[in-house]
PDB file of N, CA and C in Angstrom:
ATOM      1  N   UNK A   1      67.252-132.736  48.637  1.00  0.00           N
ATOM      2  CA  UNK A   1      66.021-132.043  48.954  1.00  0.00           C
ATOM      3  C   UNK A   1      65.993-130.703  48.234  1.00  0.00           C
ATOM      4  N   UNK A   2      64.832-130.311  47.769  1.00  0.00           N
ATOM      5  CA  UNK A   2      64.692-129.086  46.989  1.00  0.00           C
ATOM      6  C   UNK A   2      64.760-127.850  47.870  1.00  0.00           C
ATOM      7  N   UNK A   3      65.299-126.783  47.314  1.00  0.00           N
ATOM      8  CA  UNK A   3      65.273-125.486  47.955  1.00  0.00           C
ATOM      9  C   UNK A   3      63.892-124.898  47.686  1.00  0.00           C
ATOM     10  N   UNK A   4      63.064-124.676  48.702  1.00  0.00           N
ATOM     11  CA  UNK A   4      61.681-124.243  48.481  1.00  0.00           C
ATOM     12  C   UNK A   4      61.542-122.958  47.667  1.00  0.00           C
ATOM     13  N   UNK A   5      62.558-122.116  47.685  1.00  0.00           N
ATOM     14  CA  UNK A   5      62.458-120.849  46.974  1.00  0.00           C
ATOM     15  C   UNK A   5      62.630-120.989  45.471  1.00  0.00           C
ATOM     16  N   UNK A   6      63.396-121.999  45.016  1.00  0.00           N
ATOM     17  CA  UNK A   6      63.696-122.043  43.588  1.00  0.00           C
ATOM     18  C   UNK A   6      63.594-123.417  42.941  1.00  0.00           C
ATOM     19  N   UNK A   7      63.611-124.491  43.719  1.00  0.00           N
ATOM     20  CA  UNK A   7      63.605-125.833  43.149  1.00  0.00           C
ATOM     21  C   UNK A   7      62.257-126.514  43.326  1.00  0.00           C
ATOM     22  N   UNK A   8      61.995-127.449  42.423  1.00  0.00           N
ATOM     23  CA  UNK A   8      60.801-128.278  42.531  1.00  0.00           C
ATOM     24  C   UNK A   8      61.228-129.738  42.480  1.00  0.00           C
ATOM     25  N   UNK A   9      60.443-130.600  43.102  1.00  0.00           N
ATOM     26  CA  UNK A   9      60.727-132.041  43.120  1.00  0.00           C
ATOM     27  C   UNK A   9      59.953-132.718  42.002  1.00  0.00           C
ATOM     28  N   UNK A  10      60.654-133.533  41.217  1.00  0.00           N
ATOM     29  CA  UNK A  10      60.015-134.311  40.148  1.00  0.00           C
ATOM     30  C   UNK A  10      60.608-135.715  40.160  1.00  0.00           C
ATOM     31  N   UNK A  11      60.039-136.580  39.323  1.00  0.00           N
ATOM     32  CA  UNK A  11      60.574-137.919  39.146  1.00  0.00           C
ATOM     33  C   UNK A  11      60.883-138.132  37.674  1.00  0.00           C
ATOM     34  N   UNK A  12      61.863-138.962  37.410  1.00  0.00           N
ATOM     35  CA  UNK A  12      62.198-139.372  36.046  1.00  0.00           C
ATOM     36  C   UNK A  12      62.193-140.893  36.041  1.00  0.00           C
ATOM     37  N   UNK A  13      61.415-141.483  35.118  1.00  0.00           N
ATOM     38  CA  UNK A  13      61.228-142.932  35.102  1.00  0.00           C
ATOM     39  C   UNK A  13      61.565-143.530  33.745  1.00  0.00           C
ATOM     40  N   UNK A  14      62.117-144.748  33.797  1.00  0.00           N
ATOM     41  CA  UNK A  14      62.372-145.532  32.591  1.00  0.00           C
ATOM     42  C   UNK A  14      62.179-146.994  32.962  1.00  0.00           C
ATOM     43  N   UNK A  15      61.631-147.765  32.044  1.00  0.00           N
ATOM     44  CA  UNK A  15      61.371-149.173  32.348  1.00  0.00           C
ATOM     45  C   UNK A  15      61.656-150.053  31.144  1.00  0.00           C
ATOM     46  N   UNK A  16      62.244-151.183  31.446  1.00  0.00           N
ATOM     47  CA  UNK A  16      62.394-152.291  30.506  1.00  0.00           C
ATOM     48  C   UNK A  16      61.513-153.413  31.042  1.00  0.00           C
ATOM     49  N   UNK A  17      61.257-154.454  30.266  1.00  0.00           N
ATOM     50  CA  UNK A  17      60.421-155.539  30.786  1.00  0.00           C
ATOM     51  C   UNK A  17      60.946-156.147  32.094  1.00  0.00           C
ATOM     52  N   UNK A  18      62.269-156.145  32.285  1.00  0.00           N
ATOM     53  CA  UNK A  18      62.842-156.796  33.456  1.00  0.00           C
ATOM     54  C   UNK A  18      63.501-155.841  34.455  1.00  0.00           C
ATOM     55  N   UNK A  19      63.468-154.529  34.180  1.00  0.00           N
ATOM     56  CA  UNK A  19      64.135-153.581  35.068  1.00  0.00           C
ATOM     57  C   UNK A  19      63.458-152.215  34.950  1.00  0.00           C
ATOM     58  N   UNK A  20      63.182-151.606  36.094  1.00  0.00           N
ATOM     59  CA  UNK A  20      62.579-150.276  36.123  1.00  0.00           C
ATOM     60  C   UNK A  20      63.381-149.403  37.091  1.00  0.00           C
ATOM     61  N   UNK A  21      63.344-148.106  36.817  1.00  0.00           N
ATOM     62  CA  UNK A  21      64.044-147.169  37.704  1.00  0.00           C
ATOM     63  C   UNK A  21      63.274-145.851  37.726  1.00  0.00           C
ATOM     64  N   UNK A  22      63.020-145.345  38.925  1.00  0.00           N
ATOM     65  CA  UNK A  22      62.421-144.024  39.100  1.00  0.00           C
ATOM     66  C   UNK A  22      63.370-143.225  39.989  1.00  0.00           C
ATOM     67  N   UNK A  23      63.832-142.119  39.460  1.00  0.00           N
ATOM     68  CA  UNK A  23      64.725-141.245  40.211  1.00  0.00           C
ATOM     69  C   UNK A  23      63.964-140.002  40.658  1.00  0.00           C
ATOM     70  N   UNK A  24      64.120-139.631  41.914  1.00  0.00           N
ATOM     71  CA  UNK A  24      63.545-138.387  42.411  1.00  0.00           C
ATOM     72  C   UNK A  24      64.652-137.349  42.383  1.00  0.00           C
ATOM     73  N   UNK A  25      64.356-136.233  41.704  1.00  0.00           N
ATOM     74  CA  UNK A  25      65.366-135.187  41.585  1.00  0.00           C
ATOM     75  C   UNK A  25      64.727-133.829  41.836  1.00  0.00           C
ATOM     76  N   UNK A  26      65.566-132.860  42.127  1.00  0.00           N
ATOM     77  CA  UNK A  26      65.134-131.471  42.259  1.00  0.00           C
ATOM     78  C   UNK A  26      65.685-130.700  41.068  1.00  0.00           C
ATOM     79  N   UNK A  27      64.826-129.892  40.463  1.00  0.00           N
ATOM     80  CA  UNK A  27      65.241-129.049  39.345  1.00  0.00           C
ATOM     81  C   UNK A  27      64.769-127.628  39.608  1.00  0.00           C
ATOM     82  N   UNK A  28      65.392-126.689  38.947  1.00  0.00           N
ATOM     83  CA  UNK A  28      64.988-125.294  39.086  1.00  0.00           C
ATOM     84  C   UNK A  28      63.618-125.091  38.456  1.00  0.00           C
ATOM     85  N   UNK A  29      62.811-124.271  39.073  1.00  0.00           N
ATOM     86  CA  UNK A  29      61.524-123.912  38.492  1.00  0.00           C
ATOM     87  C   UNK A  29      61.781-123.340  37.108  1.00  0.00           C
ATOM     88  N   UNK A  30      60.966-123.728  36.124  1.00  0.00           N
ATOM     89  CA  UNK A  30      61.143-123.256  34.763  1.00  0.00           C
ATOM     90  C   UNK A  30      61.957-124.190  33.888  1.00  0.00           C
ATOM     91  N   UNK A  31      62.400-125.333  34.432  1.00  0.00           N
ATOM     92  CA  UNK A  31      63.192-126.297  33.669  1.00  0.00           C
ATOM     93  C   UNK A  31      62.301-127.045  32.688  1.00  0.00           C
ATOM     94  N   UNK A  32      62.803-127.272  31.483  1.00  0.00           N
ATOM     95  CA  UNK A  32      62.039-128.008  30.478  1.00  0.00           C
ATOM     96  C   UNK A  32      62.096-129.504  30.759  1.00  0.00           C
ATOM     97  N   UNK A  33      61.140-130.221  30.191  1.00  0.00           N
ATOM     98  CA  UNK A  33      61.092-131.675  30.321  1.00  0.00           C
ATOM     99  C   UNK A  33      62.390-132.295  29.819  1.00  0.00           C
ATOM    100  N   UNK A  34      62.854-131.847  28.675  1.00  0.00           N
ATOM    101  CA  UNK A  34      64.073-132.412  28.070  1.00  0.00           C
ATOM    102  C   UNK A  34      65.286-132.201  28.972  1.00  0.00           C
ATOM    103  N   UNK A  35      65.474-130.997  29.453  1.00  0.00           N
ATOM    104  CA  UNK A  35      66.636-130.689  30.301  1.00  0.00           C
ATOM    105  C   UNK A  35      66.566-131.485  31.609  1.00  0.00           C
ATOM    106  N   UNK A  36      65.385-131.573  32.203  1.00  0.00           N
ATOM    107  CA  UNK A  36      65.231-132.332  33.445  1.00  0.00           C
ATOM    108  C   UNK A  36      65.573-133.804  33.222  1.00  0.00           C
ATOM    109  N   UNK A  37      65.083-134.373  32.121  1.00  0.00           N
ATOM    110  CA  UNK A  37      65.364-135.784  31.818  1.00  0.00           C
ATOM    111  C   UNK A  37      66.859-136.009  31.601  1.00  0.00           C
ATOM    112  N   UNK A  38      67.485-135.108  30.883  1.00  0.00           N
ATOM    113  CA  UNK A  38      68.923-135.231  30.637  1.00  0.00           C
ATOM    114  C   UNK A  38      69.736-135.096  31.926  1.00  0.00           C
ATOM    115  N   UNK A  39      69.313-134.186  32.805  1.00  0.00           N
ATOM    116  CA  UNK A  39      70.053-133.936  34.043  1.00  0.00           C
ATOM    117  C   UNK A  39      69.852-135.022  35.093  1.00  0.00           C
ATOM    118  N   UNK A  40      68.856-135.860  34.937  1.00  0.00           N
ATOM    119  CA  UNK A  40      68.571-136.891  35.938  1.00  0.00           C
ATOM    120  C   UNK A  40      69.675-137.947  36.009  1.00  0.00           C
ATOM    121  N   UNK A  41      70.354-138.189  34.891  1.00  0.00           N
ATOM    122  CA  UNK A  41      71.425-139.178  34.880  1.00  0.00           C
ATOM    123  C   UNK A  41      70.944-140.616  34.861  1.00  0.00           C
ATOM    124  N   UNK A  42      69.731-140.839  34.405  1.00  0.00           N
ATOM    125  CA  UNK A  42      69.175-142.195  34.395  1.00  0.00           C
ATOM    126  C   UNK A  42      69.885-143.104  33.387  1.00  0.00           C
ATOM    127  N   UNK A  43      70.566-142.513  32.422  1.00  0.00           N
ATOM    128  CA  UNK A  43      71.274-143.296  31.397  1.00  0.00           C
ATOM    129  C   UNK A  43      72.334-144.219  32.003  1.00  0.00           C
ATOM    130  N   UNK A  44      72.906-143.816  33.128  1.00  0.00           N
ATOM    131  CA  UNK A  44      73.957-144.660  33.721  1.00  0.00           C
ATOM    132  C   UNK A  44      73.394-145.961  34.295  1.00  0.00           C
ATOM    133  N   UNK A  45      72.076-146.070  34.425  1.00  0.00           N
ATOM    134  CA  UNK A  45      71.443-147.291  34.925  1.00  0.00           C
ATOM    135  C   UNK A  45      71.013-148.238  33.796  1.00  0.00           C
ATOM    136  N   UNK A  46      71.047-147.751  32.541  1.00  0.00           N
ATOM    137  CA  UNK A  46      70.567-148.541  31.404  1.00  0.00           C
ATOM    138  C   UNK A  46      71.526-148.400  30.228  1.00  0.00           C
ATOM    139  N   UNK A  47      72.249-149.453  29.929  1.00  0.00           N
ATOM    140  CA  UNK A  47      73.170-149.436  28.792  1.00  0.00           C
ATOM    141  C   UNK A  47      72.390-149.219  27.503  1.00  0.00           C
ATOM    142  N   UNK A  48      72.844-148.315  26.673  1.00  0.00           N
ATOM    143  CA  UNK A  48      72.215-148.074  25.380  1.00  0.00           C
ATOM    144  C   UNK A  48      71.094-147.057  25.381  1.00  0.00           C
ATOM    145  N   UNK A  49      70.670-146.600  26.544  1.00  0.00           N
ATOM    146  CA  UNK A  49      69.597-145.591  26.601  1.00  0.00           C
ATOM    147  C   UNK A  49      70.155-144.241  26.176  1.00  0.00           C
ATOM    148  N   UNK A  50      69.462-143.587  25.242  1.00  0.00           N
ATOM    149  CA  UNK A  50      69.852-142.258  24.776  1.00  0.00           C
ATOM    150  C   UNK A  50      68.700-141.300  25.043  1.00  0.00           C
ATOM    151  N   UNK A  51      68.733-140.659  26.200  1.00  0.00           N
ATOM    152  CA  UNK A  51      67.660-139.754  26.606  1.00  0.00           C
ATOM    153  C   UNK A  51      67.517-138.600  25.625  1.00  0.00           C
ATOM    154  N   UNK A  52      68.607-138.171  25.018  1.00  0.00           N
ATOM    155  CA  UNK A  52      68.575-137.026  24.100  1.00  0.00           C
ATOM    156  C   UNK A  52      67.646-137.261  22.909  1.00  0.00           C
ATOM    157  N   UNK A  53      67.500-138.515  22.480  1.00  0.00           N
ATOM    158  CA  UNK A  53      66.668-138.804  21.306  1.00  0.00           C
ATOM    159  C   UNK A  53      65.374-139.548  21.642  1.00  0.00           C
ATOM    160  N   UNK A  54      65.211-139.958  22.891  1.00  0.00           N
ATOM    161  CA  UNK A  54      64.035-140.745  23.285  1.00  0.00           C
ATOM    162  C   UNK A  54      62.791-139.864  23.395  1.00  0.00           C
ATOM    163  N   UNK A  55      61.622-140.413  23.040  1.00  0.00           N
ATOM    164  CA  UNK A  55      60.366-139.688  23.274  1.00  0.00           C
ATOM    165  C   UNK A  55      60.141-139.554  24.785  1.00  0.00           C
ATOM    166  N   UNK A  56      59.572-138.430  25.197  1.00  0.00           N
ATOM    167  CA  UNK A  56      59.339-138.154  26.617  1.00  0.00           C
ATOM    168  C   UNK A  56      57.869-137.835  26.862  1.00  0.00           C
ATOM    169  N   UNK A  57      57.415-138.175  28.045  1.00  0.00           N
ATOM    170  CA  UNK A  57      56.042-137.874  28.422  1.00  0.00           C
ATOM    171  C   UNK A  57      55.967-137.571  29.892  1.00  0.00           C
ATOM    172  N   UNK A  58      54.765-137.156  30.307  1.00  0.00           N
ATOM    173  CA  UNK A  58      54.489-136.918  31.719  1.00  0.00           C
ATOM    174  C   UNK A  58      53.226-137.683  32.061  1.00  0.00           C
ATOM    175  N   UNK A  59      53.342-138.598  33.023  1.00  0.00           N
ATOM    176  CA  UNK A  59      52.211-139.424  33.478  1.00  0.00           C
ATOM    177  C   UNK A  59      51.463-140.059  32.310  1.00  0.00           C
ATOM    178  N   UNK A  60      52.192-140.672  31.375  1.00  0.00           N
ATOM    179  CA  UNK A  60      51.573-141.416  30.286  1.00  0.00           C
ATOM    180  C   UNK A  60      51.130-140.591  29.099  1.00  0.00           C
ATOM    181  N   UNK A  61      51.385-139.309  29.111  1.00  0.00           N
ATOM    182  CA  UNK A  61      50.991-138.453  27.988  1.00  0.00           C
ATOM    183  C   UNK A  61      52.243-137.939  27.281  1.00  0.00           C
ATOM    184  N   UNK A  62      52.379-138.318  26.001  1.00  0.00           N
ATOM    185  CA  UNK A  62      53.533-137.898  25.213  1.00  0.00           C
ATOM    186  C   UNK A  62      53.600-136.377  25.135  1.00  0.00           C
ATOM    187  N   UNK A  63      54.799-135.839  25.323  1.00  0.00           N
ATOM    188  CA  UNK A  63      55.009-134.387  25.213  1.00  0.00           C
ATOM    189  C   UNK A  63      55.616-134.123  23.838  1.00  0.00           C
ATOM    190  N   UNK A  64      54.869-133.407  23.009  1.00  0.00           N
ATOM    191  CA  UNK A  64      55.299-133.154  21.629  1.00  0.00           C
ATOM    192  C   UNK A  64      56.555-132.280  21.557  1.00  0.00           C
ATOM    193  N   UNK A  65      56.671-131.317  22.450  1.00  0.00           N
ATOM    194  CA  UNK A  65      57.810-130.394  22.427  1.00  0.00           C
ATOM    195  C   UNK A  65      58.482-130.368  23.797  1.00  0.00           C
ATOM    196  N   UNK A  66      59.245-131.413  24.109  1.00  0.00           N
ATOM    197  CA  UNK A  66      59.852-131.486  25.449  1.00  0.00           C
ATOM    198  C   UNK A  66      60.866-130.389  25.747  1.00  0.00           C
ATOM    199  N   UNK A  67      61.390-129.741  24.712  1.00  0.00           N
ATOM    200  CA  UNK A  67      62.333-128.642  24.968  1.00  0.00           C
ATOM    201  C   UNK A  67      61.592-127.368  25.371  1.00  0.00           C
ATOM    202  N   UNK A  68      60.287-127.312  25.124  1.00  0.00           N
ATOM    203  CA  UNK A  68      59.493-126.126  25.450  1.00  0.00           C
ATOM    204  C   UNK A  68      58.569-126.332  26.651  1.00  0.00           C
ATOM    205  N   UNK A  69      58.189-127.568  26.915  1.00  0.00           N
ATOM    206  CA  UNK A  69      57.244-127.865  27.999  1.00  0.00           C
ATOM    207  C   UNK A  69      57.973-127.796  29.344  1.00  0.00           C
ATOM    208  N   UNK A  70      57.456-127.009  30.269  1.00  0.00           N
ATOM    209  CA  UNK A  70      58.085-126.809  31.578  1.00  0.00           C
ATOM    210  C   UNK A  70      57.486-127.790  32.590  1.00  0.00           C
ATOM    211  N   UNK A  71      58.353-128.419  33.383  1.00  0.00           N
ATOM    212  CA  UNK A  71      57.874-129.355  34.403  1.00  0.00           C
ATOM    213  C   UNK A  71      57.270-128.597  35.580  1.00  0.00           C
ATOM    214  N   UNK A  72      56.351-129.287  36.266  1.00  0.00           N
ATOM    215  CA  UNK A  72      55.719-128.727  37.460  1.00  0.00           C
ATOM    216  C   UNK A  72      56.034-129.620  38.652  1.00  0.00           C
ATOM    217  N   UNK A  73      55.903-129.076  39.821  1.00  0.00           N
ATOM    218  CA  UNK A  73      56.117-129.830  41.059  1.00  0.00           C
ATOM    219  C   UNK A  73      55.342-131.144  41.021  1.00  0.00           C
ATOM    220  N   UNK A  74      56.029-132.240  41.299  1.00  0.00           N
ATOM    221  CA  UNK A  74      55.385-133.542  41.367  1.00  0.00           C
ATOM    222  C   UNK A  74      55.256-134.284  40.050  1.00  0.00           C
ATOM    223  N   UNK A  75      55.642-133.672  38.929  1.00  0.00           N
ATOM    224  CA  UNK A  75      55.559-134.361  37.631  1.00  0.00           C
ATOM    225  C   UNK A  75      56.448-135.596  37.624  1.00  0.00           C
ATOM    226  N   UNK A  76      56.024-136.609  36.857  1.00  0.00           N
ATOM    227  CA  UNK A  76      56.869-137.784  36.607  1.00  0.00           C
ATOM    228  C   UNK A  76      57.158-137.825  35.113  1.00  0.00           C
ATOM    229  N   UNK A  77      58.384-137.530  34.750  1.00  0.00           N
ATOM    230  CA  UNK A  77      58.800-137.611  33.356  1.00  0.00           C
ATOM    231  C   UNK A  77      59.040-139.078  33.038  1.00  0.00           C
ATOM    232  N   UNK A  78      58.454-139.539  31.953  1.00  0.00           N
ATOM    233  CA  UNK A  78      58.637-140.923  31.522  1.00  0.00           C
ATOM    234  C   UNK A  78      59.418-140.929  30.222  1.00  0.00           C
ATOM    235  N   UNK A  79      60.422-141.772  30.162  1.00  0.00           N
ATOM    236  CA  UNK A  79      61.237-141.934  28.966  1.00  0.00           C
ATOM    237  C   UNK A  79      60.715-143.174  28.257  1.00  0.00           C
ATOM    238  N   UNK A  80      60.251-142.986  27.034  1.00  0.00           N
ATOM    239  CA  UNK A  80      59.626-144.090  26.306  1.00  0.00           C
ATOM    240  C   UNK A  80      60.642-144.786  25.418  1.00  0.00           C
ATOM    241  N   UNK A  81      60.469-146.085  25.286  1.00  0.00           N
ATOM    242  CA  UNK A  81      61.324-146.876  24.399  1.00  0.00           C
ATOM    243  C   UNK A  81      60.529-147.223  23.151  1.00  0.00           C
ATOM    244  N   UNK A  82      61.208-147.584  22.077  1.00  0.00           N
ATOM    245  CA  UNK A  82      60.501-147.917  20.840  1.00  0.00           C
ATOM    246  C   UNK A  82      59.635-149.157  21.029  1.00  0.00           C
ATOM    247  N   UNK A  83      58.496-149.188  20.340  1.00  0.00           N
ATOM    248  CA  UNK A  83      57.625-150.364  20.376  1.00  0.00           C
ATOM    249  C   UNK A  83      58.274-151.492  19.594  1.00  0.00           C
ATOM    250  N   UNK A  84      58.092-152.704  20.080  1.00  0.00           N
ATOM    251  CA  UNK A  84      58.627-153.865  19.372  1.00  0.00           C
ATOM    252  C   UNK A  84      57.753-154.224  18.183  1.00  0.00           C
ATOM    253  N   UNK A  85      56.466-153.939  18.274  1.00  0.00           N
ATOM    254  CA  UNK A  85      55.532-154.235  17.187  1.00  0.00           C
ATOM    255  C   UNK A  85      54.519-153.110  17.079  1.00  0.00           C
ATOM    256  N   UNK A  86      54.092-152.818  15.871  1.00  0.00           N
ATOM    257  CA  UNK A  86      53.082-151.805  15.641  1.00  0.00           C
ATOM    258  C   UNK A  86      51.734-152.334  16.160  1.00  0.00           C
ATOM    259  N   UNK A  87      51.095-151.645  17.112  1.00  0.00           N
ATOM    260  CA  UNK A  87      49.841-152.145  17.679  1.00  0.00           C
ATOM    261  C   UNK A  87      48.749-152.370  16.628  1.00  0.00           C
ATOM    262  N   UNK A  88      48.670-151.500  15.656  1.00  0.00           N
ATOM    263  CA  UNK A  88      47.654-151.638  14.608  1.00  0.00           C
ATOM    264  C   UNK A  88      47.903-152.915  13.781  1.00  0.00           C
ATOM    265  N   UNK A  89      49.144-153.128  13.408  1.00  0.00           N
ATOM    266  CA  UNK A  89      49.491-154.322  12.635  1.00  0.00           C
ATOM    267  C   UNK A  89      49.238-155.589  13.453  1.00  0.00           C
ATOM    268  N   UNK A  90      49.516-155.525  14.754  1.00  0.00           N
ATOM    269  CA  UNK A  90      49.288-156.680  15.622  1.00  0.00           C
ATOM    270  C   UNK A  90      47.805-157.024  15.706  1.00  0.00           C
ATOM    271  N   UNK A  91      46.943-155.996  15.818  1.00  0.00           N
ATOM    272  CA  UNK A  91      45.494-156.235  15.870  1.00  0.00           C
ATOM    273  C   UNK A  91      44.998-156.859  14.577  1.00  0.00           C
ATOM    274  N   UNK A  92      45.475-156.366  13.465  1.00  0.00           N
ATOM    275  CA  UNK A  92      45.073-156.920  12.155  1.00  0.00           C
ATOM    276  C   UNK A  92      45.489-158.383  12.051  1.00  0.00           C
ATOM    277  N   UNK A  93      46.701-158.657  12.485  1.00  0.00           N
ATOM    278  CA  UNK A  93      47.204-160.037  12.428  1.00  0.00           C
ATOM    279  C   UNK A  93      46.356-160.979  13.287  1.00  0.00           C
ATOM    280  N   UNK A  94      45.998-160.516  14.503  1.00  0.00           N
ATOM    281  CA  UNK A  94      45.162-161.334  15.388  1.00  0.00           C
ATOM    282  C   UNK A  94      43.772-161.560  14.784  1.00  0.00           C
ATOM    283  N   UNK A  95      43.214-160.515  14.170  1.00  0.00           N
ATOM    284  CA  UNK A  95      41.891-160.627  13.556  1.00  0.00           C
ATOM    285  C   UNK A  95      41.921-161.621  12.393  1.00  0.00           C
ATOM    286  N   UNK A  96      42.975-161.567  11.605  1.00  0.00           N
ATOM    287  CA  UNK A  96      43.109-162.492  10.464  1.00  0.00           C
ATOM    288  C   UNK A  96      43.247-163.925  10.970  1.00  0.00           C
ATOM    289  N   UNK A  97      43.973-164.100  12.052  1.00  0.00           N
ATOM    290  CA  UNK A  97      44.185-165.428  12.622  1.00  0.00           C
ATOM    291  C   UNK A  97      42.854-166.004  13.142  1.00  0.00           C
ATOM    292  N   UNK A  98      42.036-165.161  13.777  1.00  0.00           N
ATOM    293  CA  UNK A  98      40.739-165.593  14.309  1.00  0.00           C
ATOM    294  C   UNK A  98      39.785-166.012  13.213  1.00  0.00           C
ATOM    295  N   UNK A  99      39.789-165.279  12.109  1.00  0.00           N
ATOM    296  CA  UNK A  99      38.845-165.564  11.017  1.00  0.00           C
ATOM    297  C   UNK A  99      39.283-166.749  10.170  1.00  0.00           C
ATOM    298  N   UNK A 100      40.465-167.248  10.365  1.00  0.00           N
ATOM    299  CA  UNK A 100      40.961-168.397   9.579  1.00  0.00           C
ATOM    300  C   UNK A 100      40.371-169.702  10.048  1.00  0.00           C
TER     301      UNK A 100
END
């Protein structure tokens, strides 16, 4: 539980197609997205996950500078995984298939 004077409650989430995990953690006010994600320890639940290099977002919005962006009470940090296919290339492929 967070200390009301200095800590805030946030969530850190990561998902694979067959496994998801959301951790609720308390961090000091003023903590960056990157530091909060690293301190959550979610890597121990997913073999091969490297939070240090993964793209990070909050509620579906990519954070361009996670080392500078400060989390707020109730934020959910999301750790993104690489796309398996480029969405633009996939749309083009589907369109070509339809017109054939």
